[in-house]
Structure formats: structure tokens, C-alpha cells
Amino acid sequence: MFRIIRTADLTTLRAEADAARAESARRDEEESAAAAEVGRLRAALARAEGELAVLRTQAHLDAEDRVALRMLLRTARKQTADQRHVAVLLRKGELQGAYSTPDDAQAAAVADGAPRDGWERTAPGTPLPPAADVAWRVTVLPIQADQ
């Protein structure tokens, strides 16, 4: 069976088919762009999750350092009730120990491999470089009585 189509109807049908193809191509481009954006967002999410894990670990370590420092300060307070300061030994910013004098802390650092010479004393209130940038540091901290 054959169907007879007028030229005007055929032209209209072809125009509609062309419009449908153009619409399909546009939607394919939108889908590709959306898929690329999803990929970028997934990568950003993975980076953010990785950074979060690192930050949580660092916060946990910082909390552990504070707990250890408090414990060492309590021990120092008990051992020398009349002493007003404690020397804290740091290696690359990590707490190594607390000592009654800076010389004791320096001796402990030398025993752990720090150079014997080249240690400098700084006046209180002098700005210091970040602790993580210095291989070894002795910091004198005041001991405050528990209230």
C-alpha cells in the first residue's frame, strides 16, 4: 500500500525531522557537559575528603601533643614546686620532653643527635620562626599554679 504525500506536507515533515535532530544534538551536548561537570565535582569531592582526613589526623595529633605537654608540665610542677619555668624541647615542632633548665633540654637534644654548638638564646617576646621550620628548639615556658 502506498500513501500519497503532498510536497508541502513532506517539507513540513523534513523540517520537523531536522528540528528533532538539532534538539537531540543539543541535548547530547548538554548531557556531555553535565557528565563532565559531575566528573569534576567527584574529583573535587575526593580531594576534599582527602584533605579532611589529613586535617582530622593533624587535629588528633595536636590534641595528643597538648595532652602530653600538660602531663609533662604537671610532672615538672610536682618535681620542683619552687621552680617558675620549664624548658620544653621541640624537634621540628614536635614535643620531645620537658626539662627543668634549658641546658638540660639542650643536653637531651645533643644526646638525640642535635649539634652540640650553634644554639642561640632569644629574649622573651622576640618573634620566632615556625617551630616546624627549626630542627631543634628549646622554649622556656612559665609554670602557672593550678587554681
N, C-alpha and C. Protein backbone atom coordinates (compact mmCIF):
# COMPACT_ATOMS: atom_id res chain seq x y z
N MET A 1 0.83 -1.15 0.00
CA MET A 1 0.00 0.00 0.00
C MET A 1 0.89 1.24 0.00
N PHE A 2 0.51 2.14 -0.80
CA PHE A 2 1.26 3.38 -0.96
C PHE A 2 0.45 4.53 -0.41
N ARG A 3 1.16 5.49 0.12
CA ARG A 3 0.49 6.67 0.63
C ARG A 3 0.98 7.87 -0.16
N ILE A 4 0.12 8.70 -0.50
CA ILE A 4 0.47 9.88 -1.28
C ILE A 4 0.61 11.05 -0.32
N ILE A 5 1.80 11.70 -0.38
CA ILE A 5 2.08 12.84 0.50
C ILE A 5 2.31 14.06 -0.38
N ARG A 6 1.69 15.13 0.01
CA ARG A 6 1.88 16.36 -0.75
C ARG A 6 3.26 16.95 -0.46
N THR A 7 3.76 17.74 -1.35
CA THR A 7 5.08 18.35 -1.23
C THR A 7 5.15 19.25 0.00
N ALA A 8 4.11 19.97 0.28
CA ALA A 8 4.09 20.86 1.45
C ALA A 8 4.18 20.03 2.73
N ASP A 9 3.45 18.92 2.78
CA ASP A 9 3.50 18.05 3.96
C ASP A 9 4.88 17.43 4.11
N LEU A 10 5.48 17.03 2.99
CA LEU A 10 6.81 16.44 3.01
C LEU A 10 7.84 17.45 3.52
N THR A 11 7.72 18.67 3.08
CA THR A 11 8.63 19.74 3.53
C THR A 11 8.47 19.97 5.02
N THR A 12 7.24 19.99 5.47
CA THR A 12 6.96 20.17 6.90
C THR A 12 7.55 19.02 7.71
N LEU A 13 7.36 17.81 7.24
CA LEU A 13 7.89 16.63 7.94
C LEU A 13 9.42 16.66 7.99
N ARG A 14 10.04 17.05 6.88
CA ARG A 14 11.50 17.14 6.86
C ARG A 14 12.00 18.22 7.82
N ALA A 15 11.31 19.36 7.87
CA ALA A 15 11.69 20.44 8.78
C ALA A 15 11.56 19.98 10.23
N GLU A 16 10.47 19.25 10.51
CA GLU A 16 10.28 18.73 11.88
C GLU A 16 11.37 17.71 12.23
N ALA A 17 11.74 16.88 11.26
CA ALA A 17 12.80 15.89 11.49
C ALA A 17 14.13 16.59 11.74
N ASP A 18 14.43 17.63 10.96
CA ASP A 18 15.67 18.40 11.16
C ASP A 18 15.68 19.07 12.53
N ALA A 19 14.54 19.62 12.93
CA ALA A 19 14.45 20.26 14.25
C ALA A 19 14.64 19.24 15.36
N ALA A 20 14.07 18.06 15.17
CA ALA A 20 14.22 16.99 16.17
C ALA A 20 15.67 16.55 16.27
N ARG A 21 16.36 16.45 15.11
CA ARG A 21 17.79 16.08 15.12
C ARG A 21 18.62 17.15 15.83
N ALA A 22 18.31 18.42 15.55
CA ALA A 22 19.03 19.52 16.20
C ALA A 22 18.80 19.50 17.70
N GLU A 23 17.57 19.27 18.10
CA GLU A 23 17.24 19.19 19.53
C GLU A 23 17.97 18.03 20.18
N SER A 24 18.04 16.90 19.49
CA SER A 24 18.73 15.73 20.01
C SER A 24 20.24 16.01 20.17
N ALA A 25 20.83 16.68 19.18
CA ALA A 25 22.25 17.04 19.25
C ALA A 25 22.50 18.00 20.41
N ARG A 26 21.60 18.98 20.59
CA ARG A 26 21.75 19.93 21.71
C ARG A 26 21.69 19.22 23.05
N ARG A 27 20.74 18.30 23.19
CA ARG A 27 20.61 17.55 24.44
C ARG A 27 21.81 16.64 24.68
N ASP A 28 22.37 16.06 23.60
CA ASP A 28 23.59 15.25 23.73
C ASP A 28 24.75 16.09 24.25
N GLU A 29 24.87 17.33 23.72
CA GLU A 29 25.92 18.24 24.19
C GLU A 29 25.70 18.60 25.66
N GLU A 30 24.45 18.87 26.04
CA GLU A 30 24.15 19.18 27.44
C GLU A 30 24.48 18.00 28.34
N GLU A 31 24.15 16.79 27.88
CA GLU A 31 24.44 15.59 28.66
C GLU A 31 25.95 15.42 28.83
N SER A 32 26.71 15.66 27.76
CA SER A 32 28.17 15.56 27.84
C SER A 32 28.73 16.58 28.81
N ALA A 33 28.22 17.81 28.73
CA ALA A 33 28.68 18.86 29.65
C ALA A 33 28.33 18.51 31.09
N ALA A 34 27.13 17.99 31.31
CA ALA A 34 26.72 17.60 32.66
C ALA A 34 27.59 16.45 33.18
N ALA A 35 27.91 15.49 32.31
CA ALA A 35 28.76 14.36 32.72
C ALA A 35 30.16 14.86 33.07
N ALA A 36 30.68 15.81 32.31
CA ALA A 36 32.00 16.39 32.61
C ALA A 36 31.97 17.12 33.94
N GLU A 37 30.90 17.87 34.20
CA GLU A 37 30.77 18.60 35.46
C GLU A 37 30.68 17.62 36.63
N VAL A 38 29.94 16.54 36.47
CA VAL A 38 29.85 15.51 37.51
C VAL A 38 31.24 14.94 37.78
N GLY A 39 32.02 14.69 36.74
CA GLY A 39 33.38 14.19 36.91
C GLY A 39 34.24 15.17 37.68
N ARG A 40 34.15 16.46 37.34
CA ARG A 40 34.91 17.49 38.06
C ARG A 40 34.48 17.56 39.51
N LEU A 41 33.19 17.49 39.77
CA LEU A 41 32.69 17.56 41.14
C LEU A 41 33.12 16.33 41.95
N ARG A 42 33.12 15.16 41.32
CA ARG A 42 33.57 13.96 42.02
C ARG A 42 35.05 14.06 42.38
N ALA A 43 35.86 14.59 41.46
CA ALA A 43 37.29 14.78 41.73
C ALA A 43 37.48 15.78 42.87
N ALA A 44 36.72 16.88 42.85
CA ALA A 44 36.82 17.87 43.92
C ALA A 44 36.39 17.27 45.25
N LEU A 45 35.35 16.46 45.24
CA LEU A 45 34.89 15.79 46.45
C LEU A 45 35.96 14.85 46.99
N ALA A 46 36.60 14.10 46.12
CA ALA A 46 37.66 13.18 46.55
C ALA A 46 38.82 13.96 47.16
N ARG A 47 39.20 15.09 46.52
CA ARG A 47 40.27 15.92 47.10
C ARG A 47 39.86 16.45 48.46
N ALA A 48 38.64 16.93 48.58
CA ALA A 48 38.17 17.49 49.85
C ALA A 48 38.13 16.41 50.93
N GLU A 49 37.70 15.20 50.57
CA GLU A 49 37.69 14.11 51.55
C GLU A 49 39.10 13.76 51.99
N GLY A 50 40.05 13.78 51.06
CA GLY A 50 41.44 13.52 51.41
C GLY A 50 41.99 14.59 52.34
N GLU A 51 41.69 15.86 52.03
CA GLU A 51 42.13 16.95 52.89
C GLU A 51 41.50 16.84 54.27
N LEU A 52 40.23 16.47 54.33
CA LEU A 52 39.55 16.32 55.61
C LEU A 52 40.21 15.23 56.44
N ALA A 53 40.57 14.12 55.82
CA ALA A 53 41.24 13.05 56.55
C ALA A 53 42.57 13.53 57.11
N VAL A 54 43.32 14.29 56.31
CA VAL A 54 44.61 14.81 56.78
C VAL A 54 44.40 15.79 57.93
N LEU A 55 43.42 16.66 57.80
CA LEU A 55 43.16 17.65 58.85
C LEU A 55 42.69 16.98 60.14
N ARG A 56 41.86 15.94 60.01
CA ARG A 56 41.42 15.23 61.21
C ARG A 56 42.60 14.57 61.91
N THR A 57 43.49 13.97 61.12
CA THR A 57 44.67 13.33 61.69
C THR A 57 45.54 14.38 62.39
N GLN A 58 45.74 15.53 61.74
CA GLN A 58 46.56 16.59 62.34
C GLN A 58 45.91 17.11 63.61
N ALA A 59 44.60 17.29 63.61
CA ALA A 59 43.92 17.76 64.82
C ALA A 59 44.07 16.75 65.94
N HIS A 60 43.98 15.46 65.59
CA HIS A 60 44.15 14.42 66.59
C HIS A 60 45.57 14.46 67.17
N LEU A 61 46.56 14.62 66.31
CA LEU A 61 47.95 14.70 66.78
C LEU A 61 48.17 15.94 67.63
N ASP A 62 47.58 17.07 67.21
CA ASP A 62 47.71 18.30 68.00
C ASP A 62 47.10 18.10 69.39
N ALA A 63 45.95 17.45 69.46
CA ALA A 63 45.32 17.19 70.75
C ALA A 63 46.20 16.28 71.60
N GLU A 64 46.79 15.26 70.99
CA GLU A 64 47.70 14.38 71.73
C GLU A 64 48.91 15.15 72.24
N ASP A 65 49.45 16.06 71.43
CA ASP A 65 50.59 16.87 71.86
C ASP A 65 50.21 17.74 73.06
N ARG A 66 49.02 18.34 73.01
CA ARG A 66 48.59 19.17 74.13
C ARG A 66 48.44 18.34 75.40
N VAL A 67 47.88 17.15 75.27
CA VAL A 67 47.72 16.28 76.44
C VAL A 67 49.09 15.91 77.00
N ALA A 68 50.01 15.54 76.11
CA ALA A 68 51.36 15.17 76.57
C ALA A 68 52.06 16.35 77.23
N LEU A 69 51.92 17.53 76.66
CA LEU A 69 52.54 18.72 77.25
C LEU A 69 51.96 19.01 78.62
N ARG A 70 50.62 18.91 78.76
CA ARG A 70 50.01 19.12 80.08
C ARG A 70 50.54 18.12 81.10
N MET A 71 50.67 16.85 80.67
CA MET A 71 51.17 15.83 81.57
C MET A 71 52.61 16.15 81.99
N LEU A 72 53.43 16.55 81.03
CA LEU A 72 54.81 16.88 81.36
C LEU A 72 54.90 18.10 82.27
N LEU A 73 54.05 19.07 82.02
CA LEU A 73 54.05 20.25 82.89
C LEU A 73 53.61 19.89 84.32
N ARG A 74 52.60 19.02 84.44
CA ARG A 74 52.20 18.58 85.78
C ARG A 74 53.34 17.86 86.49
N THR A 75 54.04 17.01 85.75
CA THR A 75 55.17 16.29 86.33
C THR A 75 56.25 17.27 86.76
N ALA A 76 56.52 18.25 85.92
CA ALA A 76 57.53 19.25 86.26
C ALA A 76 57.11 20.05 87.49
N ARG A 77 55.83 20.37 87.58
CA ARG A 77 55.34 21.11 88.75
C ARG A 77 55.51 20.30 90.03
N LYS A 78 55.22 19.01 89.97
CA LYS A 78 55.34 18.16 91.15
C LYS A 78 56.79 18.01 91.58
N GLN A 79 57.71 17.90 90.61
CA GLN A 79 59.12 17.69 90.94
C GLN A 79 59.77 18.93 91.52
N THR A 80 59.40 20.07 91.03
CA THR A 80 60.01 21.31 91.52
C THR A 80 58.93 22.34 91.78
N ALA A 81 58.41 22.32 92.97
CA ALA A 81 57.31 23.21 93.32
C ALA A 81 57.77 24.67 93.34
N ASP A 82 59.05 24.90 93.64
CA ASP A 82 59.52 26.28 93.73
C ASP A 82 60.00 26.82 92.38
N GLN A 83 60.07 25.99 91.35
CA GLN A 83 60.54 26.44 90.04
C GLN A 83 59.40 27.16 89.30
N ARG A 84 59.72 28.24 88.61
CA ARG A 84 58.72 29.05 87.95
C ARG A 84 58.66 28.84 86.43
N HIS A 85 59.65 28.12 85.86
CA HIS A 85 59.69 27.90 84.41
C HIS A 85 60.06 26.45 84.11
N VAL A 86 59.70 26.03 82.91
CA VAL A 86 60.09 24.71 82.43
C VAL A 86 60.62 24.88 81.00
N ALA A 87 61.66 24.14 80.68
CA ALA A 87 62.24 24.19 79.33
C ALA A 87 61.65 23.05 78.52
N VAL A 88 60.99 23.38 77.42
CA VAL A 88 60.35 22.38 76.56
C VAL A 88 61.22 22.18 75.32
N LEU A 89 61.55 20.93 75.03
CA LEU A 89 62.38 20.60 73.87
C LEU A 89 61.48 20.19 72.72
N LEU A 90 61.63 20.86 71.58
CA LEU A 90 60.85 20.57 70.38
C LEU A 90 61.79 20.18 69.26
N ARG A 91 61.41 19.16 68.50
CA ARG A 91 62.16 18.76 67.31
C ARG A 91 61.21 18.86 66.13
N LYS A 92 61.49 19.78 65.20
CA LYS A 92 60.63 20.05 64.05
C LYS A 92 59.18 20.30 64.49
N GLY A 93 59.05 20.98 65.62
CA GLY A 93 57.73 21.33 66.12
C GLY A 93 57.06 20.27 66.96
N GLU A 94 57.67 19.09 67.09
CA GLU A 94 57.07 18.02 67.89
C GLU A 94 57.71 18.00 69.28
N LEU A 95 56.89 17.85 70.27
CA LEU A 95 57.35 17.83 71.65
C LEU A 95 58.23 16.60 71.89
N GLN A 96 59.43 16.84 72.44
CA GLN A 96 60.35 15.76 72.77
C GLN A 96 60.44 15.54 74.28
N GLY A 97 60.23 16.61 75.06
CA GLY A 97 60.29 16.46 76.51
C GLY A 97 60.28 17.81 77.19
N ALA A 98 60.14 17.77 78.52
CA ALA A 98 60.18 18.98 79.35
C ALA A 98 61.27 18.80 80.37
N TYR A 99 62.06 19.85 80.60
CA TYR A 99 63.22 19.78 81.47
C TYR A 99 63.23 20.97 82.41
N SER A 100 63.96 20.84 83.49
CA SER A 100 63.96 21.91 84.48
C SER A 100 64.77 23.11 84.02
N THR A 101 65.77 22.91 83.16
CA THR A 101 66.56 24.04 82.67
C THR A 101 66.76 23.90 81.16
N PRO A 102 67.02 25.03 80.48
CA PRO A 102 67.32 24.95 79.06
C PRO A 102 68.57 24.11 78.77
N ASP A 103 69.55 24.15 79.67
CA ASP A 103 70.77 23.36 79.48
C ASP A 103 70.47 21.87 79.52
N ASP A 104 69.56 21.45 80.41
CA ASP A 104 69.16 20.04 80.45
C ASP A 104 68.46 19.64 79.15
N ALA A 105 67.62 20.52 78.64
CA ALA A 105 66.91 20.24 77.39
C ALA A 105 67.89 20.17 76.23
N GLN A 106 68.88 21.07 76.22
CA GLN A 106 69.88 21.07 75.16
C GLN A 106 70.73 19.80 75.24
N ALA A 107 71.08 19.37 76.42
CA ALA A 107 71.86 18.14 76.58
C ALA A 107 71.07 16.94 76.07
N ALA A 108 69.77 16.91 76.34
CA ALA A 108 68.93 15.81 75.84
C ALA A 108 68.87 15.85 74.31
N ALA A 109 68.80 17.05 73.74
CA ALA A 109 68.76 17.16 72.28
C ALA A 109 70.07 16.68 71.67
N VAL A 110 71.20 17.04 72.29
CA VAL A 110 72.51 16.60 71.80
C VAL A 110 72.60 15.07 71.87
N ALA A 111 72.07 14.50 72.94
CA ALA A 111 72.07 13.03 73.08
C ALA A 111 71.24 12.37 71.98
N ASP A 112 70.22 13.09 71.46
CA ASP A 112 69.37 12.56 70.38
C ASP A 112 69.89 12.92 68.99
N GLY A 113 71.07 13.55 68.90
CA GLY A 113 71.65 13.81 67.59
C GLY A 113 71.69 15.26 67.16
N ALA A 114 71.29 16.19 68.02
CA ALA A 114 71.35 17.61 67.66
C ALA A 114 72.81 18.07 67.73
N PRO A 115 73.17 19.11 66.97
CA PRO A 115 74.54 19.61 67.05
C PRO A 115 74.82 20.19 68.44
N ARG A 116 76.06 20.01 68.90
CA ARG A 116 76.44 20.48 70.24
C ARG A 116 76.54 22.01 70.27
N ASP A 117 77.00 22.61 69.16
CA ASP A 117 77.20 24.07 69.10
C ASP A 117 76.14 24.70 68.23
N GLY A 118 76.05 26.05 68.30
CA GLY A 118 75.14 26.79 67.43
C GLY A 118 73.81 27.11 68.07
N TRP A 119 73.62 26.81 69.32
CA TRP A 119 72.36 27.12 70.00
C TRP A 119 72.36 28.61 70.33
N GLU A 120 71.23 29.26 70.13
CA GLU A 120 71.10 30.69 70.41
C GLU A 120 70.01 30.92 71.45
N ARG A 121 70.22 31.91 72.27
CA ARG A 121 69.19 32.31 73.24
C ARG A 121 68.49 33.54 72.69
N THR A 122 67.19 33.58 72.82
CA THR A 122 66.44 34.75 72.37
C THR A 122 65.73 35.37 73.57
N ALA A 123 65.57 36.66 73.49
CA ALA A 123 64.88 37.37 74.57
C ALA A 123 63.40 37.04 74.53
N PRO A 124 62.75 37.01 75.69
CA PRO A 124 61.31 36.77 75.71
C PRO A 124 60.58 37.83 74.88
N GLY A 125 59.60 37.38 74.13
CA GLY A 125 58.81 38.27 73.29
C GLY A 125 59.36 38.45 71.89
N THR A 126 60.56 37.91 71.64
CA THR A 126 61.15 38.01 70.31
C THR A 126 60.40 37.06 69.38
N PRO A 127 60.00 37.55 68.18
CA PRO A 127 59.30 36.65 67.26
C PRO A 127 60.22 35.52 66.80
N LEU A 128 59.67 34.33 66.76
CA LEU A 128 60.43 33.14 66.38
C LEU A 128 59.88 32.58 65.08
N PRO A 129 60.73 31.90 64.30
CA PRO A 129 60.21 31.23 63.10
C PRO A 129 59.29 30.09 63.53
N PRO A 130 58.43 29.60 62.63
CA PRO A 130 57.55 28.48 62.99
C PRO A 130 58.38 27.30 63.50
N ALA A 131 57.86 26.63 64.52
CA ALA A 131 58.60 25.53 65.15
C ALA A 131 58.91 24.42 64.16
N ALA A 132 58.04 24.19 63.18
CA ALA A 132 58.28 23.12 62.22
C ALA A 132 59.44 23.43 61.29
N ASP A 133 59.85 24.71 61.18
CA ASP A 133 60.95 25.11 60.32
C ASP A 133 62.31 25.02 61.02
N VAL A 134 62.31 24.74 62.32
CA VAL A 134 63.55 24.69 63.10
C VAL A 134 63.78 23.24 63.51
N ALA A 135 65.00 22.76 63.28
CA ALA A 135 65.30 21.36 63.58
C ALA A 135 65.13 21.09 65.09
N TRP A 136 65.76 21.88 65.94
CA TRP A 136 65.66 21.70 67.39
C TRP A 136 65.40 23.07 68.02
N ARG A 137 64.55 23.09 69.03
CA ARG A 137 64.27 24.33 69.74
C ARG A 137 63.99 24.02 71.20
N VAL A 138 64.55 24.87 72.06
CA VAL A 138 64.22 24.82 73.48
C VAL A 138 63.44 26.09 73.78
N THR A 139 62.24 25.92 74.28
CA THR A 139 61.38 27.05 74.62
C THR A 139 61.13 27.02 76.12
N VAL A 140 61.37 28.14 76.76
CA VAL A 140 61.14 28.25 78.21
C VAL A 140 59.73 28.77 78.40
N LEU A 141 58.94 28.00 79.14
CA LEU A 141 57.54 28.36 79.39
C LEU A 141 57.32 28.60 80.87
N PRO A 142 56.50 29.56 81.22
CA PRO A 142 56.20 29.77 82.63
C PRO A 142 55.27 28.66 83.15
N ILE A 143 55.49 28.31 84.39
CA ILE A 143 54.60 27.34 85.04
C ILE A 143 53.61 28.12 85.87
N GLN A 144 52.33 27.86 85.61
CA GLN A 144 51.28 28.53 86.36
C GLN A 144 50.70 27.56 87.38
N ALA A 145 50.46 28.05 88.55
CA ALA A 145 49.89 27.21 89.59
C ALA A 145 48.44 26.90 89.26
N ASP A 146 48.02 25.67 89.55
CA ASP A 146 46.60 25.30 89.36
C ASP A 146 45.74 26.11 90.30
N GLN A 147 44.62 26.56 89.80
CA GLN A 147 43.73 27.37 90.64
C GLN A 147 42.42 26.68 90.84
